[in-house]
Amino acid sequence: MRAFTLMEVLAVVVLLAIGASVATVSLAGASDAAAAERAISLIRDADARARLLSARGQAVSLQVSDRTRIIVVTENGDRRTYDFADSSRLYLLDHDDHEITSVHFDARGRSQDYTVMCQSNTGTQRVRFAGLTGWSTVERETSP
């Protein structure tokens, strides 16, 4: 009957430990990336909702509240809130990157050019919107 030596068993245990540590580090980075993509998706969704409602003839504004949520408000008081993680801080900026309180959309779904900046532990993301078309671009800065 053939058995494994102590050195062979230790070698297998070490290889399994190395594999587990690599997988853990990879998955941690993936969850941070997923959280960043979710934030971008929520920001774009808020803009699309505001444009759609305003194109239907309602006066609509987009606001940041408590630096942790985006609120789309219509003229009749309807609100849609987009909540972000507690570790995220949101800023609404004009085209010159000065902080503003809200963005207003006209009856054709147009607004001024604006940016939503989202700061988190993993870095800063800026989603820039072209007011005329709603086209958006994303800029990412990672934290060291």
N, C-alpha and C. Protein backbone atom coordinates (compact mmCIF):
# COMPACT_ATOMS: atom_id res chain seq x y z
N MET A 1 0.83 -1.17 0.00
CA MET A 1 0.00 0.00 0.00
C MET A 1 0.89 1.25 0.00
N ARG A 2 0.63 2.17 -0.92
CA ARG A 2 1.44 3.37 -1.08
C ARG A 2 0.73 4.53 -0.40
N ALA A 3 1.46 5.35 0.37
CA ALA A 3 0.89 6.50 1.07
C ALA A 3 1.68 7.74 0.66
N PHE A 4 1.08 8.91 0.90
CA PHE A 4 1.76 10.17 0.61
C PHE A 4 2.69 10.51 1.74
N THR A 5 3.84 11.10 1.38
CA THR A 5 4.78 11.52 2.41
C THR A 5 4.31 12.85 2.99
N LEU A 6 4.87 13.22 4.12
CA LEU A 6 4.53 14.47 4.76
C LEU A 6 4.86 15.66 3.85
N MET A 7 5.95 15.60 3.11
CA MET A 7 6.35 16.69 2.22
C MET A 7 5.33 16.85 1.08
N GLU A 8 4.82 15.78 0.54
CA GLU A 8 3.83 15.86 -0.53
C GLU A 8 2.53 16.48 -0.03
N VAL A 9 2.10 16.08 1.16
CA VAL A 9 0.88 16.64 1.74
C VAL A 9 1.07 18.14 2.01
N LEU A 10 2.21 18.54 2.55
CA LEU A 10 2.48 19.96 2.81
C LEU A 10 2.52 20.77 1.52
N ALA A 11 3.09 20.19 0.47
CA ALA A 11 3.16 20.89 -0.81
C ALA A 11 1.75 21.15 -1.35
N VAL A 12 0.86 20.18 -1.24
CA VAL A 12 -0.51 20.35 -1.71
C VAL A 12 -1.23 21.41 -0.88
N VAL A 13 -1.04 21.40 0.43
CA VAL A 13 -1.68 22.39 1.31
C VAL A 13 -1.19 23.80 0.97
N VAL A 14 0.09 23.97 0.74
CA VAL A 14 0.65 25.28 0.39
C VAL A 14 0.08 25.76 -0.94
N LEU A 15 0.00 24.89 -1.92
CA LEU A 15 -0.56 25.29 -3.23
C LEU A 15 -2.03 25.68 -3.11
N LEU A 16 -2.78 24.95 -2.32
CA LEU A 16 -4.18 25.31 -2.11
C LEU A 16 -4.32 26.66 -1.39
N ALA A 17 -3.47 26.94 -0.43
CA ALA A 17 -3.50 28.22 0.29
C ALA A 17 -3.16 29.38 -0.64
N ILE A 18 -2.18 29.19 -1.51
CA ILE A 18 -1.81 30.24 -2.47
C ILE A 18 -2.98 30.50 -3.42
N GLY A 19 -3.58 29.44 -3.91
CA GLY A 19 -4.73 29.59 -4.81
C GLY A 19 -5.89 30.31 -4.14
N ALA A 20 -6.16 29.99 -2.89
CA ALA A 20 -7.24 30.65 -2.16
C ALA A 20 -6.96 32.13 -1.94
N SER A 21 -5.72 32.47 -1.64
CA SER A 21 -5.40 33.89 -1.42
C SER A 21 -5.50 34.69 -2.71
N VAL A 22 -5.09 34.11 -3.83
CA VAL A 22 -5.21 34.80 -5.12
C VAL A 22 -6.68 35.00 -5.46
N ALA A 23 -7.50 34.00 -5.24
CA ALA A 23 -8.93 34.11 -5.53
C ALA A 23 -9.59 35.17 -4.65
N THR A 24 -9.22 35.24 -3.39
CA THR A 24 -9.80 36.23 -2.47
C THR A 24 -9.47 37.64 -2.91
N VAL A 25 -8.22 37.89 -3.29
CA VAL A 25 -7.81 39.22 -3.74
C VAL A 25 -8.54 39.59 -5.03
N SER A 26 -8.68 38.65 -5.94
CA SER A 26 -9.37 38.91 -7.20
C SER A 26 -10.83 39.23 -6.97
N LEU A 27 -11.49 38.50 -6.09
CA LEU A 27 -12.90 38.74 -5.83
C LEU A 27 -13.13 40.06 -5.12
N ALA A 28 -12.22 40.47 -4.25
CA ALA A 28 -12.36 41.76 -3.57
C ALA A 28 -12.32 42.90 -4.58
N GLY A 29 -11.43 42.84 -5.54
CA GLY A 29 -11.36 43.86 -6.58
C GLY A 29 -12.59 43.85 -7.46
N ALA A 30 -13.14 42.67 -7.70
CA ALA A 30 -14.32 42.57 -8.54
C ALA A 30 -15.53 43.21 -7.87
N SER A 31 -15.66 43.07 -6.56
CA SER A 31 -16.81 43.68 -5.88
C SER A 31 -16.70 45.20 -5.88
N ASP A 32 -15.49 45.75 -5.75
CA ASP A 32 -15.30 47.19 -5.83
C ASP A 32 -15.67 47.71 -7.22
N ALA A 33 -15.24 46.97 -8.25
CA ALA A 33 -15.57 47.36 -9.62
C ALA A 33 -17.07 47.28 -9.86
N ALA A 34 -17.72 46.27 -9.30
CA ALA A 34 -19.17 46.14 -9.46
C ALA A 34 -19.91 47.29 -8.77
N ALA A 35 -19.44 47.70 -7.61
CA ALA A 35 -20.06 48.83 -6.90
C ALA A 35 -19.91 50.12 -7.71
N ALA A 36 -18.75 50.32 -8.32
CA ALA A 36 -18.53 51.51 -9.15
C ALA A 36 -19.45 51.49 -10.36
N GLU A 37 -19.60 50.35 -11.01
CA GLU A 37 -20.48 50.25 -12.17
C GLU A 37 -21.94 50.45 -11.77
N ARG A 38 -22.31 49.99 -10.60
CA ARG A 38 -23.68 50.20 -10.13
C ARG A 38 -23.95 51.68 -9.91
N ALA A 39 -22.98 52.39 -9.35
CA ALA A 39 -23.14 53.83 -9.14
C ALA A 39 -23.33 54.56 -10.47
N ILE A 40 -22.52 54.21 -11.46
CA ILE A 40 -22.65 54.83 -12.79
C ILE A 40 -24.01 54.53 -13.39
N SER A 41 -24.46 53.30 -13.24
CA SER A 41 -25.77 52.91 -13.77
C SER A 41 -26.90 53.69 -13.10
N LEU A 42 -26.84 53.88 -11.79
CA LEU A 42 -27.87 54.65 -11.08
C LEU A 42 -27.88 56.11 -11.53
N ILE A 43 -26.69 56.68 -11.72
CA ILE A 43 -26.61 58.08 -12.15
C ILE A 43 -27.22 58.24 -13.53
N ARG A 44 -26.87 57.34 -14.45
CA ARG A 44 -27.42 57.41 -15.80
C ARG A 44 -28.93 57.18 -15.81
N ASP A 45 -29.40 56.29 -14.95
CA ASP A 45 -30.83 56.02 -14.87
C ASP A 45 -31.59 57.24 -14.37
N ALA A 46 -31.04 57.93 -13.40
CA ALA A 46 -31.69 59.15 -12.88
C ALA A 46 -31.80 60.20 -13.98
N ASP A 47 -30.74 60.37 -14.76
CA ASP A 47 -30.77 61.34 -15.87
C ASP A 47 -31.81 60.93 -16.91
N ALA A 48 -31.83 59.66 -17.28
CA ALA A 48 -32.78 59.19 -18.29
C ALA A 48 -34.22 59.38 -17.82
N ARG A 49 -34.47 59.11 -16.55
CA ARG A 49 -35.82 59.29 -16.00
C ARG A 49 -36.23 60.76 -16.03
N ALA A 50 -35.32 61.65 -15.65
CA ALA A 50 -35.63 63.09 -15.67
C ALA A 50 -35.93 63.56 -17.09
N ARG A 51 -35.14 63.12 -18.05
CA ARG A 51 -35.36 63.52 -19.45
C ARG A 51 -36.69 62.99 -19.98
N LEU A 52 -37.01 61.75 -19.65
CA LEU A 52 -38.25 61.15 -20.12
C LEU A 52 -39.47 61.88 -19.53
N LEU A 53 -39.45 62.13 -18.23
CA LEU A 53 -40.58 62.82 -17.60
C LEU A 53 -40.74 64.24 -18.14
N SER A 54 -39.63 64.93 -18.35
CA SER A 54 -39.74 66.30 -18.85
C SER A 54 -40.22 66.32 -20.30
N ALA A 55 -39.83 65.34 -21.09
CA ALA A 55 -40.29 65.27 -22.48
C ALA A 55 -41.79 64.98 -22.55
N ARG A 56 -42.34 64.44 -21.47
CA ARG A 56 -43.79 64.20 -21.40
C ARG A 56 -44.54 65.43 -20.90
N GLY A 57 -43.86 66.54 -20.76
CA GLY A 57 -44.52 67.80 -20.43
C GLY A 57 -44.50 68.20 -18.97
N GLN A 58 -43.71 67.53 -18.15
CA GLN A 58 -43.64 67.89 -16.75
C GLN A 58 -42.36 68.67 -16.48
N ALA A 59 -42.45 69.65 -15.59
CA ALA A 59 -41.23 70.34 -15.15
C ALA A 59 -40.50 69.39 -14.20
N VAL A 60 -39.24 69.15 -14.47
CA VAL A 60 -38.47 68.16 -13.71
C VAL A 60 -37.14 68.76 -13.28
N SER A 61 -36.72 68.41 -12.07
CA SER A 61 -35.38 68.79 -11.62
C SER A 61 -34.70 67.57 -11.03
N LEU A 62 -33.40 67.56 -11.11
CA LEU A 62 -32.57 66.51 -10.54
C LEU A 62 -31.74 67.15 -9.44
N GLN A 63 -31.75 66.54 -8.25
CA GLN A 63 -31.06 67.13 -7.09
C GLN A 63 -30.25 66.06 -6.38
N VAL A 64 -29.22 66.50 -5.65
CA VAL A 64 -28.48 65.62 -4.76
C VAL A 64 -28.86 65.97 -3.34
N SER A 65 -29.20 64.95 -2.56
CA SER A 65 -29.64 65.16 -1.18
C SER A 65 -28.70 64.44 -0.23
N ASP A 66 -28.26 65.12 0.79
CA ASP A 66 -27.41 64.56 1.84
C ASP A 66 -26.13 63.91 1.30
N ARG A 67 -25.74 64.27 0.11
CA ARG A 67 -24.53 63.72 -0.54
C ARG A 67 -24.57 62.20 -0.73
N THR A 68 -25.74 61.57 -0.47
CA THR A 68 -25.82 60.12 -0.59
C THR A 68 -26.95 59.66 -1.50
N ARG A 69 -27.73 60.58 -2.05
CA ARG A 69 -28.82 60.15 -2.93
C ARG A 69 -29.10 61.20 -3.99
N ILE A 70 -29.61 60.73 -5.12
CA ILE A 70 -30.08 61.60 -6.19
C ILE A 70 -31.60 61.52 -6.19
N ILE A 71 -32.25 62.67 -6.29
CA ILE A 71 -33.71 62.72 -6.30
C ILE A 71 -34.16 63.39 -7.59
N VAL A 72 -35.06 62.72 -8.30
CA VAL A 72 -35.72 63.31 -9.47
C VAL A 72 -37.09 63.78 -9.00
N VAL A 73 -37.34 65.09 -9.12
CA VAL A 73 -38.57 65.70 -8.61
C VAL A 73 -39.35 66.30 -9.77
N THR A 74 -40.66 66.01 -9.83
CA THR A 74 -41.52 66.59 -10.86
C THR A 74 -42.32 67.74 -10.27
N GLU A 75 -42.95 68.51 -11.15
CA GLU A 75 -43.71 69.69 -10.72
C GLU A 75 -44.89 69.35 -9.82
N ASN A 76 -45.46 68.15 -9.96
CA ASN A 76 -46.60 67.79 -9.12
C ASN A 76 -46.16 67.07 -7.84
N GLY A 77 -44.86 67.07 -7.56
CA GLY A 77 -44.36 66.55 -6.31
C GLY A 77 -43.94 65.09 -6.31
N ASP A 78 -44.10 64.40 -7.44
CA ASP A 78 -43.63 63.02 -7.51
C ASP A 78 -42.12 63.00 -7.39
N ARG A 79 -41.62 61.99 -6.66
CA ARG A 79 -40.18 61.90 -6.43
C ARG A 79 -39.72 60.47 -6.69
N ARG A 80 -38.55 60.36 -7.26
CA ARG A 80 -37.89 59.06 -7.40
C ARG A 80 -36.51 59.24 -6.80
N THR A 81 -36.18 58.40 -5.80
CA THR A 81 -34.92 58.53 -5.08
C THR A 81 -33.99 57.39 -5.47
N TYR A 82 -32.75 57.73 -5.74
CA TYR A 82 -31.70 56.76 -6.04
C TYR A 82 -30.69 56.82 -4.91
N ASP A 83 -30.66 55.80 -4.07
CA ASP A 83 -29.77 55.77 -2.92
C ASP A 83 -28.43 55.13 -3.28
N PHE A 84 -27.36 55.70 -2.74
CA PHE A 84 -26.01 55.19 -2.96
C PHE A 84 -25.45 54.67 -1.65
N ALA A 85 -24.37 53.94 -1.73
CA ALA A 85 -23.75 53.37 -0.52
C ALA A 85 -23.33 54.48 0.43
N ASP A 86 -23.32 54.14 1.71
CA ASP A 86 -22.94 55.13 2.72
C ASP A 86 -21.53 55.67 2.51
N SER A 87 -20.66 54.87 1.90
CA SER A 87 -19.28 55.31 1.70
C SER A 87 -19.13 56.23 0.49
N SER A 88 -20.20 56.38 -0.30
CA SER A 88 -20.14 57.24 -1.49
C SER A 88 -20.60 58.65 -1.14
N ARG A 89 -19.95 59.64 -1.76
CA ARG A 89 -20.35 61.04 -1.60
C ARG A 89 -20.63 61.57 -3.00
N LEU A 90 -21.79 62.18 -3.18
CA LEU A 90 -22.22 62.68 -4.48
C LEU A 90 -22.15 64.19 -4.54
N TYR A 91 -21.79 64.70 -5.71
CA TYR A 91 -21.74 66.14 -5.95
C TYR A 91 -22.34 66.41 -7.32
N LEU A 92 -23.15 67.44 -7.42
CA LEU A 92 -23.74 67.88 -8.68
C LEU A 92 -22.97 69.11 -9.11
N LEU A 93 -22.38 69.06 -10.32
CA LEU A 93 -21.49 70.13 -10.79
C LEU A 93 -21.97 70.68 -12.12
N ASP A 94 -21.71 71.96 -12.36
CA ASP A 94 -22.02 72.53 -13.66
C ASP A 94 -20.89 72.23 -14.64
N HIS A 95 -20.95 72.80 -15.85
CA HIS A 95 -19.94 72.48 -16.87
C HIS A 95 -18.54 72.99 -16.51
N ASP A 96 -18.44 73.91 -15.56
CA ASP A 96 -17.13 74.40 -15.10
C ASP A 96 -16.69 73.73 -13.81
N ASP A 97 -17.37 72.67 -13.41
CA ASP A 97 -17.10 71.91 -12.19
C ASP A 97 -17.31 72.71 -10.91
N HIS A 98 -18.25 73.65 -10.94
CA HIS A 98 -18.68 74.35 -9.73
C HIS A 98 -19.91 73.63 -9.20
N GLU A 99 -19.99 73.48 -7.88
CA GLU A 99 -21.11 72.76 -7.30
C GLU A 99 -22.41 73.54 -7.48
N ILE A 100 -23.48 72.82 -7.84
CA ILE A 100 -24.80 73.40 -8.02
C ILE A 100 -25.80 72.59 -7.20
N THR A 101 -26.99 73.16 -6.97
CA THR A 101 -27.98 72.47 -6.14
C THR A 101 -28.92 71.58 -6.94
N SER A 102 -29.20 71.94 -8.20
CA SER A 102 -30.11 71.13 -9.00
C SER A 102 -29.91 71.40 -10.48
N VAL A 103 -30.44 70.50 -11.28
CA VAL A 103 -30.45 70.64 -12.74
C VAL A 103 -31.89 70.59 -13.18
N HIS A 104 -32.31 71.54 -14.01
CA HIS A 104 -33.69 71.61 -14.47
C HIS A 104 -33.75 71.17 -15.93
N PHE A 105 -34.80 70.45 -16.27
CA PHE A 105 -34.99 69.92 -17.62
C PHE A 105 -36.20 70.62 -18.25
N ASP A 106 -36.07 71.00 -19.54
CA ASP A 106 -37.17 71.68 -20.22
C ASP A 106 -38.14 70.66 -20.83
N ALA A 107 -39.14 71.15 -21.53
CA ALA A 107 -40.20 70.29 -22.07
C ALA A 107 -39.71 69.36 -23.18
N ARG A 108 -38.52 69.56 -23.65
CA ARG A 108 -37.96 68.66 -24.67
C ARG A 108 -36.93 67.70 -24.08
N GLY A 109 -36.82 67.69 -22.76
CA GLY A 109 -35.88 66.78 -22.12
C GLY A 109 -34.45 67.28 -22.12
N ARG A 110 -34.27 68.58 -22.34
CA ARG A 110 -32.93 69.15 -22.37
C ARG A 110 -32.60 69.84 -21.05
N SER A 111 -31.30 69.93 -20.79
CA SER A 111 -30.82 70.61 -19.57
C SER A 111 -29.52 71.30 -19.90
N GLN A 112 -28.96 71.94 -18.89
CA GLN A 112 -27.60 72.46 -19.04
C GLN A 112 -26.64 71.27 -19.02
N ASP A 113 -25.43 71.45 -19.50
CA ASP A 113 -24.40 70.42 -19.35
C ASP A 113 -24.08 70.33 -17.86
N TYR A 114 -23.97 69.11 -17.36
CA TYR A 114 -23.69 68.95 -15.94
C TYR A 114 -22.93 67.65 -15.69
N THR A 115 -22.41 67.53 -14.46
CA THR A 115 -21.64 66.36 -14.04
C THR A 115 -22.14 65.89 -12.69
N VAL A 116 -22.21 64.58 -12.53
CA VAL A 116 -22.42 64.00 -11.21
C VAL A 116 -21.12 63.33 -10.83
N MET A 117 -20.52 63.79 -9.72
CA MET A 117 -19.27 63.23 -9.23
C MET A 117 -19.58 62.32 -8.04
N CYS A 118 -19.04 61.12 -8.08
CA CYS A 118 -19.25 60.14 -7.02
C CYS A 118 -17.89 59.76 -6.45
N GLN A 119 -17.67 60.13 -5.19
CA GLN A 119 -16.42 59.78 -4.52
C GLN A 119 -16.67 58.61 -3.58
N SER A 120 -15.79 57.61 -3.65
CA SER A 120 -15.90 56.46 -2.76
C SER A 120 -14.50 56.04 -2.32
N ASN A 121 -14.43 54.98 -1.55
CA ASN A 121 -13.13 54.49 -1.07
C ASN A 121 -12.23 54.04 -2.21
N THR A 122 -12.82 53.63 -3.32
CA THR A 122 -12.02 53.11 -4.44
C THR A 122 -11.58 54.19 -5.41
N GLY A 123 -12.15 55.39 -5.32
CA GLY A 123 -11.75 56.46 -6.22
C GLY A 123 -12.90 57.40 -6.53
N THR A 124 -12.69 58.24 -7.53
CA THR A 124 -13.68 59.23 -7.94
C THR A 124 -14.12 58.95 -9.36
N GLN A 125 -15.43 59.01 -9.56
CA GLN A 125 -15.99 58.85 -10.90
C GLN A 125 -16.80 60.08 -11.22
N ARG A 126 -16.63 60.56 -12.44
CA ARG A 126 -17.41 61.70 -12.91
C ARG A 126 -18.21 61.23 -14.13
N VAL A 127 -19.52 61.40 -14.04
CA VAL A 127 -20.37 61.11 -15.18
C VAL A 127 -20.82 62.46 -15.73
N ARG A 128 -20.32 62.79 -16.91
CA ARG A 128 -20.60 64.08 -17.54
C ARG A 128 -21.73 63.91 -18.55
N PHE A 129 -22.73 64.80 -18.46
CA PHE A 129 -23.89 64.74 -19.34
C PHE A 129 -23.92 65.96 -20.25
N ALA A 130 -24.15 65.70 -21.54
CA ALA A 130 -24.39 66.78 -22.49
C ALA A 130 -25.86 67.14 -22.36
N GLY A 131 -26.15 68.37 -22.01
CA GLY A 131 -27.52 68.78 -21.72
C GLY A 131 -28.46 68.68 -22.90
N LEU A 132 -27.98 68.93 -24.09
CA LEU A 132 -28.84 68.92 -25.26
C LEU A 132 -29.26 67.51 -25.64
N THR A 133 -28.34 66.56 -25.58
CA THR A 133 -28.62 65.20 -26.06
C THR A 133 -28.76 64.16 -24.96
N GLY A 134 -28.21 64.42 -23.79
CA GLY A 134 -28.21 63.42 -22.72
C GLY A 134 -27.05 62.44 -22.83
N TRP A 135 -26.21 62.63 -23.84
CA TRP A 135 -25.05 61.75 -24.01
C TRP A 135 -24.15 61.88 -22.78
N SER A 136 -23.64 60.74 -22.30
CA SER A 136 -22.81 60.80 -21.09
C SER A 136 -21.46 60.12 -21.32
N THR A 137 -20.47 60.63 -20.62
CA THR A 137 -19.14 60.02 -20.61
C THR A 137 -18.71 59.83 -19.16
N VAL A 138 -17.87 58.85 -18.94
CA VAL A 138 -17.43 58.53 -17.59
C VAL A 138 -15.92 58.73 -17.49
N GLU A 139 -15.51 59.43 -16.44
CA GLU A 139 -14.09 59.59 -16.14
C GLU A 139 -13.84 58.96 -14.78
N ARG A 140 -12.78 58.16 -14.69
CA ARG A 140 -12.48 57.47 -13.44
C ARG A 140 -11.10 57.87 -12.95
N GLU A 141 -11.02 58.09 -11.64
CA GLU A 141 -9.73 58.32 -10.97
C GLU A 141 -9.69 57.35 -9.81
N THR A 142 -8.68 56.49 -9.76
CA THR A 142 -8.61 55.50 -8.68
C THR A 142 -7.79 56.06 -7.54
N SER A 143 -8.15 55.66 -6.33
CA SER A 143 -7.40 56.06 -5.14
C SER A 143 -6.18 55.18 -5.00
N PRO A 144 -5.08 55.76 -4.49
CA PRO A 144 -3.88 54.93 -4.31
C PRO A 144 -4.04 53.92 -3.19
